[in-house]
Structures are given as structure tokens and as C-alpha cells.
Amino acid sequence: MEIKKTLEGAKLTLAPIGRVDTITSHELEAAIVLDGVDELVFDLAQVDYVSSAGIRVLLSAQKRMAGKSMKIANSKPAVKEVFDITGFSDIFTLV
């Protein structure tokens, strides 16, 4: 999986490409370096599928960002449906 990483001041944007699943979720997890980050954005515009392993990575990042901002942006309908069905659309900030 390729992950585009953009750091603008204290805002980190991670934009994975492809699937975030059991095989690739460790790559996304490794890309989450939060030193000096006050805002974290996961841009999922190019993600076709998120498994429970991917959701675990996102949930872990949200816990690490406690008291700071974390958003999930540009989810495709199939990915948004996974968040809705699992109830995580009520936990994550989806934009």
C-alpha cells in the first residue's frame, strides 16, 4: 500500500491508496507518527475497502489523539457503509 503523508505545521494528513486490511493495516499504523501533531486527517478518497484491522488502526489513532483533532475525510460510499454498519460513524468525525 502506498500512503501519501503531508505535514503542514501541526496538521498531519495520511492518504492511503488501496485497501486497509489485515495485510496492509500495519503499514498505516507505522505511518502514524504524532510528535507535534495537533490535527490528524485520514484522507480515504483512494481507499476501496477497510477491514476490522483497519478500523482498529483508526480507533487506536483516535485514542492517541485524545484532546486533539482527528478526522476521516472523503470516504467512498462502501467505506462509509462499513463505518455506519459497525457504529464507528458515531465515534469518528467523518467529513
C-alpha atoms as a PDB file:
ATOM      1  CA  MET A   1       0.000   0.000   0.000  1.00  0.00           C
ATOM      2  CA  GLU A   2       1.183   3.497  -0.760  1.00  0.00           C
ATOM      3  CA  ILE A   3       0.495   6.196   1.832  1.00  0.00           C
ATOM      4  CA  LYS A   4       0.808   9.856   0.950  1.00  0.00           C
ATOM      5  CA  LYS A   5       1.900  11.747   4.047  1.00  0.00           C
ATOM      6  CA  THR A   6       1.620  15.537   4.330  1.00  0.00           C
ATOM      7  CA  LEU A   7       2.705  17.531   7.382  1.00  0.00           C
ATOM      8  CA  GLU A   8       1.624  21.178   7.426  1.00  0.00           C
ATOM      9  CA  GLY A   9       2.605  22.753  10.729  1.00  0.00           C
ATOM     10  CA  ALA A  10       0.823  20.684  13.374  1.00  0.00           C
ATOM     11  CA  LYS A  11      -1.567  19.053  10.860  1.00  0.00           C
ATOM     12  CA  LEU A  12      -0.734  15.559   9.581  1.00  0.00           C
ATOM     13  CA  THR A  13      -2.695  14.157   6.645  1.00  0.00           C
ATOM     14  CA  LEU A  14      -2.359  10.484   5.746  1.00  0.00           C
ATOM     15  CA  ALA A  15      -3.835   9.372   2.430  1.00  0.00           C
ATOM     16  CA  PRO A  16      -3.575   5.606   1.923  1.00  0.00           C
ATOM     17  CA  ILE A  17      -4.199   4.121  -1.511  1.00  0.00           C
ATOM     18  CA  GLY A  18      -5.942   0.771  -1.989  1.00  0.00           C
ATOM     19  CA  ARG A  19      -7.198  -1.454   0.808  1.00  0.00           C
ATOM     20  CA  VAL A  20      -6.695  -1.080   4.542  1.00  0.00           C
ATOM     21  CA  ASP A  21      -6.961  -4.659   5.726  1.00  0.00           C
ATOM     22  CA  THR A  22      -5.121  -7.289   7.750  1.00  0.00           C
ATOM     23  CA  ILE A  23      -2.247  -7.362   5.278  1.00  0.00           C
ATOM     24  CA  THR A  24      -1.770  -3.579   4.934  1.00  0.00           C
ATOM     25  CA  SER A  25      -3.002  -2.096   8.217  1.00  0.00           C
ATOM     26  CA  HIS A  26       0.455  -2.374   9.825  1.00  0.00           C
ATOM     27  CA  GLU A  27       1.803  -0.004   7.138  1.00  0.00           C
ATOM     28  CA  LEU A  28      -0.808   2.611   8.019  1.00  0.00           C
ATOM     29  CA  GLU A  29      -0.129   2.142  11.711  1.00  0.00           C
ATOM     30  CA  ALA A  30       3.611   2.659  11.154  1.00  0.00           C
ATOM     31  CA  ALA A  31       2.923   5.906   9.257  1.00  0.00           C
ATOM     32  CA  ILE A  32       1.123   7.450  12.247  1.00  0.00           C
ATOM     33  CA  VAL A  33       3.860   9.476  13.924  1.00  0.00           C
ATOM     34  CA  LEU A  34       2.176  12.064  16.130  1.00  0.00           C
ATOM     35  CA  ASP A  35       5.100  14.039  17.584  1.00  0.00           C
ATOM     36  CA  GLY A  36       3.989  17.687  17.484  1.00  0.00           C
ATOM     37  CA  VAL A  37       0.712  16.840  15.720  1.00  0.00           C
ATOM     38  CA  ASP A  38      -2.458  18.560  16.944  1.00  0.00           C
ATOM     39  CA  GLU A  39      -4.649  17.643  13.981  1.00  0.00           C
ATOM     40  CA  LEU A  40      -4.736  14.278  12.211  1.00  0.00           C
ATOM     41  CA  VAL A  41      -6.657  13.696   8.983  1.00  0.00           C
ATOM     42  CA  PHE A  42      -7.092  10.365   7.253  1.00  0.00           C
ATOM     43  CA  ASP A  43      -7.976  11.096   3.616  1.00  0.00           C
ATOM     44  CA  LEU A  44      -9.660   7.908   2.414  1.00  0.00           C
ATOM     45  CA  ALA A  45     -10.514   9.152  -1.099  1.00  0.00           C
ATOM     46  CA  GLN A  46      -8.420   6.387  -2.678  1.00  0.00           C
ATOM     47  CA  VAL A  47      -9.333   3.603  -0.234  1.00  0.00           C
ATOM     48  CA  ASP A  48     -11.687   0.954  -1.601  1.00  0.00           C
ATOM     49  CA  TYR A  49     -12.036  -1.226   1.490  1.00  0.00           C
ATOM     50  CA  VAL A  50     -11.454  -1.029   5.248  1.00  0.00           C
ATOM     51  CA  SER A  51     -11.469  -4.209   7.358  1.00  0.00           C
ATOM     52  CA  SER A  52     -11.734  -4.572  11.111  1.00  0.00           C
ATOM     53  CA  ALA A  53      -7.920  -4.416  11.245  1.00  0.00           C
ATOM     54  CA  GLY A  54      -8.058  -1.034   9.517  1.00  0.00           C
ATOM     55  CA  ILE A  55     -10.745   0.194  11.885  1.00  0.00           C
ATOM     56  CA  ARG A  56      -8.563  -0.889  14.807  1.00  0.00           C
ATOM     57  CA  VAL A  57      -5.724   1.303  13.486  1.00  0.00           C
ATOM     58  CA  LEU A  58      -8.076   4.281  13.141  1.00  0.00           C
ATOM     59  CA  LEU A  59      -9.504   3.731  16.623  1.00  0.00           C
ATOM     60  CA  SER A  60      -6.015   3.453  18.108  1.00  0.00           C
ATOM     61  CA  ALA A  61      -5.032   6.723  16.420  1.00  0.00           C
ATOM     62  CA  GLN A  62      -8.131   8.424  17.800  1.00  0.00           C
ATOM     63  CA  LYS A  63      -7.259   7.295  21.323  1.00  0.00           C
ATOM     64  CA  ARG A  64      -3.720   8.626  20.872  1.00  0.00           C
ATOM     65  CA  MET A  65      -5.168  11.959  19.678  1.00  0.00           C
ATOM     66  CA  ALA A  66      -7.320  12.381  22.812  1.00  0.00           C
ATOM     67  CA  GLY A  67      -7.990  16.070  23.354  1.00  0.00           C
ATOM     68  CA  LYS A  68      -6.821  16.870  19.819  1.00  0.00           C
ATOM     69  CA  SER A  69      -8.493  16.757  16.416  1.00  0.00           C
ATOM     70  CA  MET A  70      -8.825  13.639  14.268  1.00  0.00           C
ATOM     71  CA  LYS A  71     -10.983  13.466  11.145  1.00  0.00           C
ATOM     72  CA  ILE A  72     -11.675  10.904   8.465  1.00  0.00           C
ATOM     73  CA  ALA A  73     -12.231  12.617   5.130  1.00  0.00           C
ATOM     74  CA  ASN A  74     -13.503  11.647   1.693  1.00  0.00           C
ATOM     75  CA  SER A  75     -14.714   8.119   2.470  1.00  0.00           C
ATOM     76  CA  LYS A  76     -16.176   6.310  -0.529  1.00  0.00           C
ATOM     77  CA  PRO A  77     -19.750   5.041  -0.042  1.00  0.00           C
ATOM     78  CA  ALA A  78     -18.595   1.421   0.524  1.00  0.00           C
ATOM     79  CA  VAL A  79     -16.121   2.521   3.203  1.00  0.00           C
ATOM     80  CA  LYS A  80     -18.661   4.851   4.828  1.00  0.00           C
ATOM     81  CA  GLU A  81     -21.100   1.935   4.915  1.00  0.00           C
ATOM     82  CA  VAL A  82     -18.582  -0.120   6.931  1.00  0.00           C
ATOM     83  CA  PHE A  83     -18.348   2.735   9.467  1.00  0.00           C
ATOM     84  CA  ASP A  84     -22.162   3.001   9.580  1.00  0.00           C
ATOM     85  CA  ILE A  85     -22.789  -0.736   9.992  1.00  0.00           C
ATOM     86  CA  THR A  86     -20.183  -1.098  12.738  1.00  0.00           C
ATOM     87  CA  GLY A  87     -21.352   2.029  14.573  1.00  0.00           C
ATOM     88  CA  PHE A  88     -17.985   3.752  14.157  1.00  0.00           C
ATOM     89  CA  SER A  89     -19.587   6.598  12.197  1.00  0.00           C
ATOM     90  CA  ASP A  90     -20.843   7.746  15.615  1.00  0.00           C
ATOM     91  CA  ILE A  91     -17.344   7.547  17.107  1.00  0.00           C
ATOM     92  CA  PHE A  92     -15.212   9.010  14.300  1.00  0.00           C
ATOM     93  CA  THR A  93     -15.573  12.502  12.889  1.00  0.00           C
ATOM     94  CA  LEU A  94     -16.360  11.876   9.227  1.00  0.00           C
ATOM     95  CA  VAL A  95     -16.041  14.828   6.859  1.00  0.00           C
END
